[in-house]
């Protein structure tokens, strides 16, 4: 029996069908991503760390996700045996486990270095920077819940990253405070 498939392309659905809103989304996301790229580029080493970690995690999951359409198109009669729920769980667990093992030594190093800080106030300040990171991780885990959360995960962490890392710098805090004060003084 010959397999006659009429699907010849993949369809990516937009956020909206209205052309004006599509352009608005494009310019909005482009602006946010460029600002995030610029901000992350100004922080030493942050771009490389975020890029390499995010790329490795995303590539693993995207590779697994691409296997589904491959099997559906190239081997449709074997789809049920090649890509059952057990296979999907195993592939996702392998990707998540690999990324967890990749992150574990880095995390064990951040905690060891923080615990070596002699003052309790210094350790508290260092651990307080963990809260934004835990927020980013929780956004990442919850991306399957809703399109809005997915957009938030892909936009908010890169945009807020420069702020998180640079706000520890006292000189930057003073400069930012002066800019905000001068802005409000000009408004009045």
N, C-alpha and C. Protein backbone atom coordinates (compact mmCIF):
# COMPACT_ATOMS: atom_id res chain seq x y z
N UNK A 1 0.84 -1.16 0.00
CA UNK A 1 0.00 0.00 0.00
C UNK A 1 0.89 1.24 0.00
N UNK A 2 0.63 2.17 -0.87
CA UNK A 2 1.42 3.38 -0.99
C UNK A 2 0.87 4.46 -0.06
N UNK A 3 1.81 5.22 0.53
CA UNK A 3 1.43 6.31 1.43
C UNK A 3 1.32 7.60 0.62
N UNK A 4 0.14 8.15 0.56
CA UNK A 4 -0.07 9.41 -0.15
C UNK A 4 -0.32 10.52 0.88
N UNK A 5 0.70 11.32 1.12
CA UNK A 5 0.57 12.44 2.06
C UNK A 5 0.42 13.73 1.28
N UNK A 6 -0.51 14.55 1.70
CA UNK A 6 -0.71 15.82 1.00
C UNK A 6 -0.05 16.99 1.71
N UNK A 7 0.52 16.78 2.88
CA UNK A 7 1.19 17.85 3.62
C UNK A 7 2.60 18.00 3.08
N UNK A 8 2.91 19.20 2.60
CA UNK A 8 4.23 19.44 2.01
C UNK A 8 5.00 20.53 2.73
N UNK A 9 4.41 21.15 3.75
CA UNK A 9 5.10 22.23 4.45
C UNK A 9 4.63 22.32 5.89
N UNK A 10 5.43 23.02 6.70
CA UNK A 10 5.06 23.30 8.07
C UNK A 10 4.43 24.68 8.13
N UNK A 11 3.54 24.88 9.05
CA UNK A 11 2.86 26.16 9.18
C UNK A 11 3.16 26.74 10.55
N UNK A 12 3.77 27.93 10.58
CA UNK A 12 4.00 28.63 11.84
C UNK A 12 2.90 29.66 12.00
N UNK A 13 2.19 29.60 13.09
CA UNK A 13 1.07 30.50 13.31
C UNK A 13 1.53 31.78 13.98
N UNK A 14 1.05 32.93 13.54
CA UNK A 14 1.43 34.21 14.15
C UNK A 14 0.63 34.47 15.43
N UNK A 15 1.05 35.49 16.18
CA UNK A 15 0.28 35.90 17.35
C UNK A 15 -1.08 36.43 16.93
N UNK A 16 -1.11 37.13 15.81
CA UNK A 16 -2.34 37.75 15.33
C UNK A 16 -2.35 37.76 13.81
N UNK A 17 -3.53 37.91 13.23
CA UNK A 17 -3.64 37.99 11.77
C UNK A 17 -3.62 39.44 11.27
N UNK A 18 -3.73 40.39 12.16
CA UNK A 18 -3.74 41.80 11.78
C UNK A 18 -2.32 42.25 11.48
N UNK A 19 -2.12 42.79 10.28
CA UNK A 19 -0.78 43.18 9.84
C UNK A 19 -0.16 44.25 10.75
N UNK A 20 -0.95 45.22 11.19
CA UNK A 20 -0.43 46.28 12.04
C UNK A 20 0.07 45.73 13.37
N UNK A 21 -0.69 44.79 13.94
CA UNK A 21 -0.26 44.19 15.21
C UNK A 21 0.97 43.30 15.02
N UNK A 22 1.07 42.65 13.86
CA UNK A 22 2.26 41.86 13.58
C UNK A 22 3.49 42.75 13.53
N UNK A 23 3.38 43.90 12.87
CA UNK A 23 4.50 44.84 12.82
C UNK A 23 4.82 45.39 14.21
N UNK A 24 3.78 45.67 14.98
CA UNK A 24 4.01 46.14 16.34
C UNK A 24 4.75 45.09 17.17
N UNK A 25 4.33 43.83 17.08
CA UNK A 25 5.01 42.75 17.80
C UNK A 25 6.45 42.63 17.34
N UNK A 26 6.66 42.69 16.03
CA UNK A 26 8.02 42.58 15.50
C UNK A 26 8.93 43.66 16.08
N UNK A 27 8.49 44.92 15.99
CA UNK A 27 9.34 46.02 16.46
C UNK A 27 9.50 46.00 17.98
N UNK A 28 8.45 45.60 18.69
CA UNK A 28 8.52 45.51 20.14
C UNK A 28 9.54 44.45 20.57
N UNK A 29 9.42 43.24 20.02
CA UNK A 29 10.35 42.17 20.39
C UNK A 29 11.77 42.46 19.90
N UNK A 30 11.90 43.05 18.72
CA UNK A 30 13.22 43.41 18.22
C UNK A 30 13.89 44.41 19.15
N UNK A 31 13.14 45.43 19.59
CA UNK A 31 13.69 46.41 20.51
C UNK A 31 14.11 45.80 21.84
N UNK A 32 13.26 44.94 22.37
CA UNK A 32 13.57 44.31 23.65
C UNK A 32 14.80 43.41 23.53
N UNK A 33 14.86 42.62 22.45
CA UNK A 33 16.01 41.72 22.28
C UNK A 33 17.30 42.50 22.04
N UNK A 34 17.23 43.57 21.26
CA UNK A 34 18.44 44.37 21.03
C UNK A 34 18.91 45.05 22.31
N UNK A 35 17.96 45.55 23.12
CA UNK A 35 18.32 46.15 24.40
C UNK A 35 18.94 45.10 25.33
N UNK A 36 18.36 43.90 25.33
CA UNK A 36 18.91 42.82 26.16
C UNK A 36 20.29 42.41 25.68
N UNK A 37 20.47 42.33 24.37
CA UNK A 37 21.78 41.98 23.82
C UNK A 37 22.82 43.03 24.17
N UNK A 38 22.45 44.29 24.05
CA UNK A 38 23.37 45.38 24.39
C UNK A 38 23.71 45.34 25.87
N UNK A 39 22.69 45.20 26.71
CA UNK A 39 22.93 45.16 28.15
C UNK A 39 23.78 43.98 28.57
N UNK A 40 23.50 42.82 28.03
CA UNK A 40 24.30 41.63 28.35
C UNK A 40 25.71 41.75 27.79
N UNK A 41 25.85 42.42 26.67
CA UNK A 41 27.17 42.60 26.08
C UNK A 41 28.06 43.51 26.90
N UNK A 42 27.46 44.41 27.67
CA UNK A 42 28.23 45.34 28.50
C UNK A 42 28.73 44.69 29.79
N UNK A 43 28.16 43.58 30.18
CA UNK A 43 28.57 42.88 31.40
C UNK A 43 29.62 41.85 30.98
N UNK A 44 30.91 41.84 31.51
CA UNK A 44 31.95 40.88 31.13
C UNK A 44 31.55 39.44 31.39
N UNK A 45 31.62 38.63 30.36
CA UNK A 45 31.42 37.20 30.49
C UNK A 45 29.97 36.76 30.54
N UNK A 46 29.06 37.68 30.80
CA UNK A 46 27.66 37.28 30.95
C UNK A 46 27.09 36.75 29.65
N UNK A 47 27.42 37.40 28.55
CA UNK A 47 26.89 37.00 27.25
C UNK A 47 27.31 35.57 26.93
N UNK A 48 28.56 35.26 27.12
CA UNK A 48 29.04 33.91 26.80
C UNK A 48 28.36 32.86 27.67
N UNK A 49 28.25 33.15 28.96
CA UNK A 49 27.65 32.19 29.88
C UNK A 49 26.18 31.96 29.54
N UNK A 50 25.42 33.02 29.39
CA UNK A 50 24.00 32.88 29.09
C UNK A 50 23.81 32.23 27.73
N UNK A 51 24.60 32.66 26.75
CA UNK A 51 24.47 32.13 25.40
C UNK A 51 24.76 30.64 25.36
N UNK A 52 25.87 30.22 25.94
CA UNK A 52 26.25 28.81 25.88
C UNK A 52 25.29 27.92 26.65
N UNK A 53 24.83 28.37 27.82
CA UNK A 53 23.90 27.55 28.59
C UNK A 53 22.55 27.49 27.89
N UNK A 54 22.04 28.64 27.47
CA UNK A 54 20.72 28.67 26.83
C UNK A 54 20.73 27.91 25.52
N UNK A 55 21.79 28.06 24.74
CA UNK A 55 21.86 27.38 23.45
C UNK A 55 21.92 25.87 23.65
N UNK A 56 22.70 25.41 24.62
CA UNK A 56 22.80 23.96 24.80
C UNK A 56 21.46 23.37 25.25
N UNK A 57 20.77 24.05 26.16
CA UNK A 57 19.48 23.55 26.63
C UNK A 57 18.43 23.61 25.52
N UNK A 58 18.37 24.73 24.82
CA UNK A 58 17.39 24.88 23.75
C UNK A 58 17.66 23.92 22.60
N UNK A 59 18.93 23.74 22.25
CA UNK A 59 19.25 22.82 21.15
C UNK A 59 18.85 21.39 21.48
N UNK A 60 19.08 20.99 22.71
CA UNK A 60 18.70 19.63 23.10
C UNK A 60 17.19 19.44 22.99
N UNK A 61 16.42 20.39 23.52
CA UNK A 61 14.97 20.26 23.47
C UNK A 61 14.43 20.41 22.04
N UNK A 62 15.00 21.34 21.26
CA UNK A 62 14.54 21.50 19.88
C UNK A 62 14.87 20.28 19.02
N UNK A 63 16.00 19.66 19.28
CA UNK A 63 16.35 18.45 18.55
C UNK A 63 15.34 17.35 18.84
N UNK A 64 14.99 17.21 20.09
CA UNK A 64 14.00 16.20 20.47
C UNK A 64 12.64 16.53 19.85
N UNK A 65 12.28 17.82 19.88
CA UNK A 65 10.99 18.22 19.31
C UNK A 65 10.96 18.02 17.80
N UNK A 66 12.09 18.16 17.14
CA UNK A 66 12.11 18.00 15.68
C UNK A 66 11.97 16.54 15.26
N UNK A 67 12.22 15.63 16.17
CA UNK A 67 12.10 14.21 15.85
C UNK A 67 10.63 13.83 15.57
N UNK A 68 9.70 14.49 16.26
CA UNK A 68 8.27 14.21 16.06
C UNK A 68 7.82 14.46 14.62
N UNK A 69 8.04 15.65 14.03
CA UNK A 69 7.61 15.83 12.64
C UNK A 69 8.38 14.95 11.66
N UNK A 70 9.65 14.67 11.99
CA UNK A 70 10.43 13.80 11.12
C UNK A 70 9.78 12.42 11.03
N UNK A 71 9.45 11.85 12.16
CA UNK A 71 8.82 10.53 12.16
C UNK A 71 7.44 10.59 11.52
N UNK A 72 6.68 11.66 11.81
CA UNK A 72 5.33 11.79 11.26
C UNK A 72 5.35 11.89 9.74
N UNK A 73 6.36 12.53 9.17
CA UNK A 73 6.41 12.72 7.72
C UNK A 73 7.15 11.58 7.02
N UNK A 74 8.29 11.20 7.55
CA UNK A 74 9.12 10.21 6.86
C UNK A 74 8.75 8.77 7.17
N UNK A 75 8.20 8.52 8.33
CA UNK A 75 7.84 7.14 8.71
C UNK A 75 6.48 7.12 9.38
N UNK A 76 5.44 7.55 8.67
CA UNK A 76 4.13 7.68 9.31
C UNK A 76 3.54 6.36 9.79
N UNK A 77 3.85 5.27 9.13
CA UNK A 77 3.28 3.99 9.55
C UNK A 77 3.94 3.43 10.80
N UNK A 78 5.15 3.92 11.10
CA UNK A 78 5.87 3.47 12.29
C UNK A 78 5.79 4.48 13.44
N UNK A 79 4.98 5.51 13.26
CA UNK A 79 4.91 6.59 14.24
C UNK A 79 4.59 6.07 15.64
N UNK A 80 3.59 5.23 15.76
CA UNK A 80 3.16 4.72 17.06
C UNK A 80 4.23 3.93 17.78
N UNK A 81 5.04 3.19 17.03
CA UNK A 81 6.08 2.38 17.67
C UNK A 81 7.35 3.18 17.94
N UNK A 82 7.67 4.14 17.06
CA UNK A 82 8.89 4.92 17.24
C UNK A 82 8.74 6.06 18.24
N UNK A 83 7.55 6.62 18.32
CA UNK A 83 7.38 7.82 19.13
C UNK A 83 6.17 7.70 20.05
N UNK A 84 6.22 6.74 20.92
CA UNK A 84 5.16 6.59 21.91
C UNK A 84 5.40 7.53 23.08
N UNK A 85 4.51 7.52 24.04
CA UNK A 85 4.65 8.43 25.18
C UNK A 85 5.88 8.09 26.01
N UNK A 86 6.23 6.81 26.06
CA UNK A 86 7.42 6.40 26.82
C UNK A 86 8.69 6.96 26.19
N UNK A 87 8.78 6.93 24.86
CA UNK A 87 9.95 7.48 24.16
C UNK A 87 10.06 8.98 24.37
N UNK A 88 8.93 9.68 24.35
CA UNK A 88 8.94 11.13 24.58
C UNK A 88 9.43 11.45 25.99
N UNK A 89 8.95 10.71 26.95
CA UNK A 89 9.38 10.94 28.34
C UNK A 89 10.87 10.67 28.49
N UNK A 90 11.36 9.63 27.87
CA UNK A 90 12.79 9.29 27.97
C UNK A 90 13.65 10.38 27.33
N UNK A 91 13.23 10.87 26.15
CA UNK A 91 14.02 11.91 25.47
C UNK A 91 14.02 13.21 26.26
N UNK A 92 12.86 13.60 26.79
CA UNK A 92 12.80 14.84 27.58
C UNK A 92 13.61 14.69 28.87
N UNK A 93 13.51 13.55 29.51
CA UNK A 93 14.28 13.33 30.74
C UNK A 93 15.78 13.34 30.45
N UNK A 94 16.19 12.81 29.31
CA UNK A 94 17.60 12.83 28.95
C UNK A 94 18.09 14.26 28.73
N UNK A 95 17.28 15.08 28.06
CA UNK A 95 17.67 16.47 27.83
C UNK A 95 17.75 17.24 29.15
N UNK A 96 16.73 17.11 29.98
CA UNK A 96 16.73 17.82 31.26
C UNK A 96 17.83 17.32 32.18
N UNK A 97 18.02 16.01 32.21
CA UNK A 97 19.09 15.45 33.05
C UNK A 97 20.46 15.92 32.63
N UNK A 98 20.70 15.96 31.33
CA UNK A 98 21.99 16.42 30.82
C UNK A 98 22.23 17.87 31.20
N UNK A 99 21.21 18.70 31.04
CA UNK A 99 21.37 20.11 31.39
C UNK A 99 21.53 20.30 32.90
N UNK A 100 20.86 19.48 33.69
CA UNK A 100 21.03 19.55 35.14
C UNK A 100 22.47 19.19 35.52
N UNK A 101 22.98 18.11 34.91
CA UNK A 101 24.36 17.71 35.19
C UNK A 101 25.36 18.76 34.69
N UNK A 102 24.99 19.47 33.62
CA UNK A 102 25.84 20.55 33.13
C UNK A 102 25.85 21.73 34.10
N UNK A 103 24.71 22.03 34.71
CA UNK A 103 24.62 23.17 35.61
C UNK A 103 25.14 22.87 37.01
N UNK A 104 25.14 21.62 37.41
CA UNK A 104 25.50 21.25 38.78
C UNK A 104 26.90 21.69 39.20
N UNK A 105 27.96 21.44 38.40
CA UNK A 105 29.28 21.89 38.84
C UNK A 105 29.39 23.41 38.96
N UNK A 106 28.73 24.13 38.06
CA UNK A 106 28.76 25.59 38.12
C UNK A 106 28.08 26.07 39.41
N UNK A 107 26.96 25.47 39.73
CA UNK A 107 26.24 25.84 40.93
C UNK A 107 27.05 25.48 42.18
N UNK A 108 27.68 24.35 42.17
CA UNK A 108 28.49 23.93 43.32
C UNK A 108 29.68 24.85 43.53
N UNK A 109 30.24 25.38 42.41
CA UNK A 109 31.34 26.33 42.53
C UNK A 109 30.95 27.59 43.18
N UNK A 110 29.44 28.46 42.45
CA UNK A 110 28.86 29.72 42.94
C UNK A 110 28.71 29.69 44.45
N UNK A 111 28.11 28.30 45.08
CA UNK A 111 27.85 28.17 46.51
C UNK A 111 29.16 28.11 47.30
N UNK A 112 30.16 27.35 46.78
CA UNK A 112 31.45 27.24 47.48
C UNK A 112 32.12 28.60 47.59
N UNK A 113 32.09 29.37 46.52
CA UNK A 113 32.70 30.70 46.54
C UNK A 113 31.96 31.63 47.50
N UNK A 114 30.64 31.54 47.54
CA UNK A 114 29.86 32.40 48.43
C UNK A 114 30.10 32.02 49.88
N UNK A 115 30.18 30.72 50.17
CA UNK A 115 30.39 30.29 51.54
C UNK A 115 31.79 30.65 52.05
N UNK A 116 32.71 30.94 51.15
CA UNK A 116 34.06 31.36 51.55
C UNK A 116 34.13 32.85 51.89
N UNK A 117 33.07 33.59 51.63
CA UNK A 117 33.06 35.02 51.97
C UNK A 117 33.08 35.14 53.49
N UNK A 118 34.03 35.92 54.03
CA UNK A 118 34.19 35.94 55.49
C UNK A 118 33.03 36.57 56.25
N UNK A 119 32.41 37.60 55.73
CA UNK A 119 31.36 38.28 56.49
C UNK A 119 29.98 37.69 56.18
N UNK A 120 29.15 37.67 57.23
CA UNK A 120 27.79 37.15 57.05
C UNK A 120 26.98 38.07 56.15
N UNK A 121 27.21 39.38 56.25
CA UNK A 121 26.51 40.34 55.40
C UNK A 121 26.86 40.12 53.93
N UNK A 122 28.12 39.84 53.64
CA UNK A 122 28.55 39.57 52.27
C UNK A 122 27.92 38.31 51.72
N UNK A 123 27.84 37.27 52.54
CA UNK A 123 27.20 36.03 52.10
C UNK A 123 25.71 36.25 51.84
N UNK A 124 25.07 37.01 52.72
CA UNK A 124 23.64 37.30 52.54
C UNK A 124 23.41 38.08 51.25
N UNK A 125 24.26 39.06 50.98
CA UNK A 125 24.12 39.85 49.76
C UNK A 125 24.31 38.97 48.52
N UNK A 126 25.27 38.07 48.58
CA UNK A 126 25.52 37.18 47.44
C UNK A 126 24.36 36.21 47.24
N UNK A 127 23.84 35.65 48.32
CA UNK A 127 22.71 34.72 48.17
C UNK A 127 21.44 35.43 47.73
N UNK A 128 21.31 36.72 48.04
CA UNK A 128 20.11 37.45 47.64
C UNK A 128 20.01 37.60 46.12
N UNK A 129 21.14 37.46 45.43
CA UNK A 129 21.08 37.52 43.96
C UNK A 129 20.53 36.22 43.38
N UNK A 130 20.37 35.19 44.21
CA UNK A 130 19.82 33.92 43.72
C UNK A 130 18.33 34.02 43.42
N UNK A 131 17.63 34.94 44.07
CA UNK A 131 16.18 35.05 43.88
C UNK A 131 15.81 35.33 42.42
N UNK A 132 16.47 36.28 41.73
CA UNK A 132 16.12 36.48 40.31
C UNK A 132 16.40 35.23 39.47
N UNK A 133 17.45 34.51 39.80
CA UNK A 133 17.75 33.30 39.04
C UNK A 133 16.69 32.23 39.25
N UNK A 134 16.23 32.09 40.48
CA UNK A 134 15.16 31.13 40.75
C UNK A 134 13.88 31.54 40.03
N UNK A 135 13.64 32.84 39.91
CA UNK A 135 12.48 33.32 39.17
C UNK A 135 12.59 32.93 37.71
N UNK A 136 13.78 33.09 37.13
CA UNK A 136 13.99 32.72 35.73
C UNK A 136 13.79 31.22 35.53
N UNK A 137 14.30 30.42 36.44
CA UNK A 137 14.13 28.97 36.33
C UNK A 137 12.65 28.59 36.45
N UNK A 138 11.93 29.23 37.37
CA UNK A 138 10.51 28.90 37.49
C UNK A 138 9.74 29.32 36.25
N UNK A 139 10.12 30.43 35.62
CA UNK A 139 9.49 30.81 34.36
C UNK A 139 9.78 29.77 33.28
N UNK A 140 11.02 29.27 33.27
CA UNK A 140 11.40 28.27 32.28
C UNK A 140 10.58 26.98 32.45
N UNK A 141 10.40 26.55 33.68
CA UNK A 141 9.68 25.32 33.95
C UNK A 141 8.20 25.47 33.60
N UNK A 142 7.65 26.65 33.80
CA UNK A 142 6.22 26.86 33.60
C UNK A 142 5.86 27.33 32.19
N UNK A 143 6.80 27.28 31.24
CA UNK A 143 6.50 27.80 29.90
C UNK A 143 5.44 26.99 29.17
N UNK A 144 5.21 25.78 29.57
CA UNK A 144 4.20 24.99 28.90
C UNK A 144 2.78 25.40 29.26
N UNK A 145 2.62 26.27 30.25
CA UNK A 145 1.28 26.61 30.72
C UNK A 145 0.53 27.52 29.76
N UNK A 146 1.21 28.49 29.19
CA UNK A 146 0.48 29.50 28.45
C UNK A 146 1.42 30.22 27.48
N UNK A 147 0.86 30.75 26.43
CA UNK A 147 1.66 31.52 25.47
C UNK A 147 2.24 32.75 26.13
N UNK A 148 1.49 33.40 26.99
CA UNK A 148 1.97 34.60 27.67
C UNK A 148 3.20 34.28 28.52
N UNK A 149 3.16 33.19 29.24
CA UNK A 149 4.30 32.80 30.06
C UNK A 149 5.49 32.47 29.18
N UNK A 150 5.25 31.86 28.02
CA UNK A 150 6.34 31.55 27.10
C UNK A 150 6.99 32.82 26.59
N UNK A 151 6.18 33.79 26.25
CA UNK A 151 6.72 35.08 25.79
C UNK A 151 7.49 35.75 26.92
N UNK A 152 6.92 35.70 28.13
CA UNK A 152 7.62 36.29 29.27
C UNK A 152 8.98 35.63 29.49
N UNK A 153 9.04 34.30 29.36
CA UNK A 153 10.32 33.60 29.55
C UNK A 153 11.34 34.01 28.50
N UNK A 154 10.90 34.17 27.28
CA UNK A 154 11.86 34.49 26.23
C UNK A 154 12.24 35.96 26.19
N UNK A 155 11.47 36.83 26.83
CA UNK A 155 11.74 38.27 26.77
C UNK A 155 12.28 38.82 28.09
N UNK A 156 11.67 38.46 29.20
CA UNK A 156 12.01 39.08 30.48
C UNK A 156 13.42 38.74 30.97
N UNK A 157 13.83 37.46 31.05
CA UNK A 157 15.16 37.18 31.59
C UNK A 157 16.30 37.86 30.83
N UNK A 158 16.36 37.81 29.50
CA UNK A 158 17.47 38.52 28.84
C UNK A 158 17.42 40.03 29.06
N UNK A 159 16.23 40.60 29.16
CA UNK A 159 16.12 42.04 29.33
C UNK A 159 16.48 42.47 30.76
N UNK A 160 16.18 41.64 31.74
CA UNK A 160 16.43 41.99 33.13
C UNK A 160 17.83 41.57 33.59
N UNK A 161 18.46 40.67 32.88
CA UNK A 161 19.79 40.16 33.25
C UNK A 161 20.80 41.28 33.50
N UNK A 162 20.96 42.24 32.60
CA UNK A 162 21.94 43.31 32.86
C UNK A 162 21.63 44.07 34.14
N UNK A 163 20.36 44.28 34.42
CA UNK A 163 19.97 44.98 35.63
C UNK A 163 20.36 44.19 36.86
N UNK A 164 20.10 42.90 36.84
CA UNK A 164 20.39 42.04 37.99
C UNK A 164 21.88 42.06 38.31
N UNK A 165 22.70 41.89 37.29
CA UNK A 165 24.14 41.78 37.53
C UNK A 165 24.80 43.13 37.78
N UNK A 166 24.28 44.17 37.18
CA UNK A 166 24.95 45.45 37.33
C UNK A 166 24.50 46.22 38.56
N UNK A 167 23.36 45.87 39.14
CA UNK A 167 22.88 46.60 40.31
C UNK A 167 23.72 46.30 41.55
N UNK A 168 24.58 45.32 41.47
CA UNK A 168 25.49 45.07 42.58
C UNK A 168 26.60 46.09 42.61
N UNK A 169 26.81 46.79 41.50
CA UNK A 169 27.86 47.78 41.39
C UNK A 169 27.35 49.09 42.00
N UNK A 170 28.01 49.56 43.05
CA UNK A 170 27.57 50.75 43.77
C UNK A 170 27.65 52.00 42.89
N UNK A 171 28.67 52.08 42.05
CA UNK A 171 28.81 53.25 41.16
C UNK A 171 27.63 53.33 40.19
N UNK A 172 27.20 52.19 39.69
CA UNK A 172 26.07 52.17 38.77
C UNK A 172 24.79 52.59 39.48
N UNK A 173 24.63 52.16 40.73
CA UNK A 173 23.45 52.56 41.49
C UNK A 173 23.40 54.08 41.66
N UNK A 174 24.53 54.67 41.99
CA UNK A 174 24.59 56.12 42.17
C UNK A 174 24.28 56.83 40.86
N UNK A 175 24.87 56.36 39.76
CA UNK A 175 24.62 56.98 38.45
C UNK A 175 23.15 56.85 38.05
N UNK A 176 22.56 55.69 38.27
CA UNK A 176 21.15 55.48 37.94
C UNK A 176 20.26 56.38 38.78
N UNK A 177 20.59 56.53 40.05
CA UNK A 177 19.82 57.41 40.93
C UNK A 177 19.87 58.85 40.44
N UNK A 178 21.05 59.31 39.99
CA UNK A 178 21.19 60.67 39.46
C UNK A 178 20.36 60.86 38.20
N UNK A 179 20.36 59.86 37.32
CA UNK A 179 19.58 59.96 36.08
C UNK A 179 18.09 60.04 36.39
N UNK A 180 17.62 59.22 37.31
CA UNK A 180 16.20 59.23 37.68
C UNK A 180 15.83 60.56 38.33
N UNK A 181 16.69 61.06 39.23
CA UNK A 181 16.40 62.34 39.88
C UNK A 181 16.38 63.48 38.88
N UNK A 182 17.33 63.49 37.94
CA UNK A 182 17.36 64.56 36.94
C UNK A 182 16.14 64.48 36.03
N UNK A 183 15.68 63.28 35.74
CA UNK A 183 14.49 63.11 34.90
C UNK A 183 13.27 63.70 35.59
N UNK A 184 13.10 63.38 36.88
CA UNK A 184 11.94 63.88 37.60
C UNK A 184 12.04 65.38 37.85
N UNK A 185 13.25 65.91 38.02
CA UNK A 185 13.41 67.35 38.20
C UNK A 185 13.03 68.10 36.92
N UNK A 186 13.34 67.53 35.76
CA UNK A 186 13.00 68.16 34.48
C UNK A 186 11.50 68.11 34.23
N UNK A 187 10.81 67.10 34.74
CA UNK A 187 9.38 66.95 34.55
C UNK A 187 8.60 67.99 35.34
N UNK A 188 9.17 68.42 36.46
CA UNK A 188 8.45 69.38 37.33
C UNK A 188 8.77 70.74 36.89
